[in-house]
C-alpha cells in the first residue's frame, strides 16, 4: 500500500469508532501495521515542525516549516531559547 492509502486507512479508523481488531479484519490489514501508521503522522509532523538548522561560521541558519529562513548568532541566550522552543534541545 502507498503512503496515501495508509493515511486514508488511519483516518477512516479514527472516524469509525470500531475496535482496532474489528476494523483491521474488515479492511484486511494487520493491527501492528495500523498502529504503526496511526503513530507515523504524529512523528512526521513533529520532525517537520522543527525545520532544519545549519551552522554557517558564526551564524545558525534556521529553515522554518513556513519557508522562512532566519539567521542568528551561533551563541547566546536567543539561540538557546529558539532551540528549546523548537524542541531541538531540552532544558
C-alpha atoms as a PDB file:
ATOM      1  CA  UNK A   1       0.000   0.000   0.000  1.00  0.00           C
ATOM      2  CA  UNK A   2       1.096   3.543  -0.624  1.00  0.00           C
ATOM      3  CA  UNK A   3       1.559   6.230   1.987  1.00  0.00           C
ATOM      4  CA  UNK A   4      -1.688   7.846   0.781  1.00  0.00           C
ATOM      5  CA  UNK A   5      -3.538   4.547   1.245  1.00  0.00           C
ATOM      6  CA  UNK A   6      -2.335   4.277   4.833  1.00  0.00           C
ATOM      7  CA  UNK A   7      -3.213   7.898   5.527  1.00  0.00           C
ATOM      8  CA  UNK A   8      -6.753   7.193   4.329  1.00  0.00           C
ATOM      9  CA  UNK A   9      -6.985   3.958   6.343  1.00  0.00           C
ATOM     10  CA  UNK A  10      -5.741   5.669   9.518  1.00  0.00           C
ATOM     11  CA  UNK A  11      -8.265   8.487   9.029  1.00  0.00           C
ATOM     12  CA  UNK A  12     -11.065   6.008   8.427  1.00  0.00           C
ATOM     13  CA  UNK A  13     -10.150   4.098  11.581  1.00  0.00           C
ATOM     14  CA  UNK A  14     -10.119   7.251  13.716  1.00  0.00           C
ATOM     15  CA  UNK A  15     -13.594   8.163  12.499  1.00  0.00           C
ATOM     16  CA  UNK A  16     -15.018   4.628  12.630  1.00  0.00           C
ATOM     17  CA  UNK A  17     -15.480   4.141  16.356  1.00  0.00           C
ATOM     18  CA  UNK A  18     -14.573   0.470  15.835  1.00  0.00           C
ATOM     19  CA  UNK A  19     -12.062  -1.534  17.779  1.00  0.00           C
ATOM     20  CA  UNK A  20      -8.731  -1.985  16.016  1.00  0.00           C
ATOM     21  CA  UNK A  21      -9.339  -5.731  15.701  1.00  0.00           C
ATOM     22  CA  UNK A  22     -12.722  -5.268  14.034  1.00  0.00           C
ATOM     23  CA  UNK A  23     -11.508  -2.507  11.718  1.00  0.00           C
ATOM     24  CA  UNK A  24      -8.414  -4.484  10.696  1.00  0.00           C
ATOM     25  CA  UNK A  25     -10.459  -7.597   9.869  1.00  0.00           C
ATOM     26  CA  UNK A  26     -12.884  -5.559   7.777  1.00  0.00           C
ATOM     27  CA  UNK A  27     -10.065  -3.831   5.841  1.00  0.00           C
ATOM     28  CA  UNK A  28      -7.658  -6.764   5.624  1.00  0.00           C
ATOM     29  CA  UNK A  29      -4.773  -5.086   7.432  1.00  0.00           C
ATOM     30  CA  UNK A  30      -2.796  -6.157  10.480  1.00  0.00           C
ATOM     31  CA  UNK A  31      -3.218  -4.414  13.817  1.00  0.00           C
ATOM     32  CA  UNK A  32       0.531  -3.779  14.054  1.00  0.00           C
ATOM     33  CA  UNK A  33       0.564  -2.054  10.642  1.00  0.00           C
ATOM     34  CA  UNK A  34      -2.435   0.066  11.600  1.00  0.00           C
ATOM     35  CA  UNK A  35      -0.830   1.054  14.908  1.00  0.00           C
ATOM     36  CA  UNK A  36       2.386   1.991  13.123  1.00  0.00           C
ATOM     37  CA  UNK A  37       0.546   4.243  10.661  1.00  0.00           C
ATOM     38  CA  UNK A  38      -1.591   5.798  13.377  1.00  0.00           C
ATOM     39  CA  UNK A  39       1.599   6.981  15.088  1.00  0.00           C
ATOM     40  CA  UNK A  40       3.535   7.830  11.915  1.00  0.00           C
ATOM     41  CA  UNK A  41       1.764  11.114  11.035  1.00  0.00           C
ATOM     42  CA  UNK A  42       2.444  12.443  14.538  1.00  0.00           C
ATOM     43  CA  UNK A  43       6.131  11.616  14.208  1.00  0.00           C
ATOM     44  CA  UNK A  44       6.343  13.191  10.735  1.00  0.00           C
ATOM     45  CA  UNK A  45       4.576  16.330  11.914  1.00  0.00           C
ATOM     46  CA  UNK A  46       6.976  16.743  14.811  1.00  0.00           C
ATOM     47  CA  UNK A  47      10.012  16.488  12.572  1.00  0.00           C
ATOM     48  CA  UNK A  48       8.529  18.854  10.004  1.00  0.00           C
ATOM     49  CA  UNK A  49       7.658  21.448  12.643  1.00  0.00           C
ATOM     50  CA  UNK A  50      11.253  21.817  13.737  1.00  0.00           C
ATOM     51  CA  UNK A  51      12.670  22.712  10.324  1.00  0.00           C
ATOM     52  CA  UNK A  52      16.411  22.460   9.740  1.00  0.00           C
ATOM     53  CA  UNK A  53      19.427  24.010  11.402  1.00  0.00           C
ATOM     54  CA  UNK A  54      22.718  24.721   9.632  1.00  0.00           C
ATOM     55  CA  UNK A  55      25.794  26.355  11.156  1.00  0.00           C
ATOM     56  CA  UNK A  56      27.405  28.939   8.864  1.00  0.00           C
ATOM     57  CA  UNK A  57      30.519  30.301  10.542  1.00  0.00           C
ATOM     58  CA  UNK A  58      29.335  32.422  13.455  1.00  0.00           C
ATOM     59  CA  UNK A  59      25.665  32.129  12.448  1.00  0.00           C
ATOM     60  CA  UNK A  60      22.976  29.480  12.696  1.00  0.00           C
ATOM     61  CA  UNK A  61      20.579  29.360   9.767  1.00  0.00           C
ATOM     62  CA  UNK A  62      17.132  28.005  10.573  1.00  0.00           C
ATOM     63  CA  UNK A  63      14.732  26.967   7.803  1.00  0.00           C
ATOM     64  CA  UNK A  64      11.251  27.155   9.292  1.00  0.00           C
ATOM     65  CA  UNK A  65       8.356  24.953   8.132  1.00  0.00           C
ATOM     66  CA  UNK A  66       6.665  28.083   6.757  1.00  0.00           C
ATOM     67  CA  UNK A  67       9.537  28.520   4.299  1.00  0.00           C
ATOM     68  CA  UNK A  68      11.057  31.447   6.174  1.00  0.00           C
ATOM     69  CA  UNK A  69      14.811  31.377   6.799  1.00  0.00           C
ATOM     70  CA  UNK A  70      16.334  33.022   9.861  1.00  0.00           C
ATOM     71  CA  UNK A  71      19.996  33.645  10.692  1.00  0.00           C
ATOM     72  CA  UNK A  72      21.041  34.318  14.272  1.00  0.00           C
ATOM     73  CA  UNK A  73      24.347  34.379  16.169  1.00  0.00           C
ATOM     74  CA  UNK A  74      25.602  30.846  16.907  1.00  0.00           C
ATOM     75  CA  UNK A  75      25.929  31.579  20.606  1.00  0.00           C
ATOM     76  CA  UNK A  76      23.890  33.311  23.226  1.00  0.00           C
ATOM     77  CA  UNK A  77      20.622  33.160  25.072  1.00  0.00           C
ATOM     78  CA  UNK A  78      18.465  33.855  21.985  1.00  0.00           C
ATOM     79  CA  UNK A  79      19.755  30.723  20.253  1.00  0.00           C
ATOM     80  CA  UNK A  80      19.099  28.638  23.364  1.00  0.00           C
ATOM     81  CA  UNK A  81      15.512  29.917  23.626  1.00  0.00           C
ATOM     82  CA  UNK A  82      14.818  29.259  19.948  1.00  0.00           C
ATOM     83  CA  UNK A  83      16.235  25.727  20.046  1.00  0.00           C
ATOM     84  CA  UNK A  84      14.245  24.921  23.182  1.00  0.00           C
ATOM     85  CA  UNK A  85      11.047  26.282  21.605  1.00  0.00           C
ATOM     86  CA  UNK A  86      11.604  24.101  18.534  1.00  0.00           C
ATOM     87  CA  UNK A  87      12.202  21.043  20.671  1.00  0.00           C
ATOM     88  CA  UNK A  88      15.737  20.669  19.321  1.00  0.00           C
ATOM     89  CA  UNK A  89      17.230  20.746  22.834  1.00  0.00           C
ATOM     90  CA  UNK A  90      15.817  20.065  26.259  1.00  0.00           C
ATOM     91  CA  UNK A  91      16.094  22.288  29.278  1.00  0.00           C
END
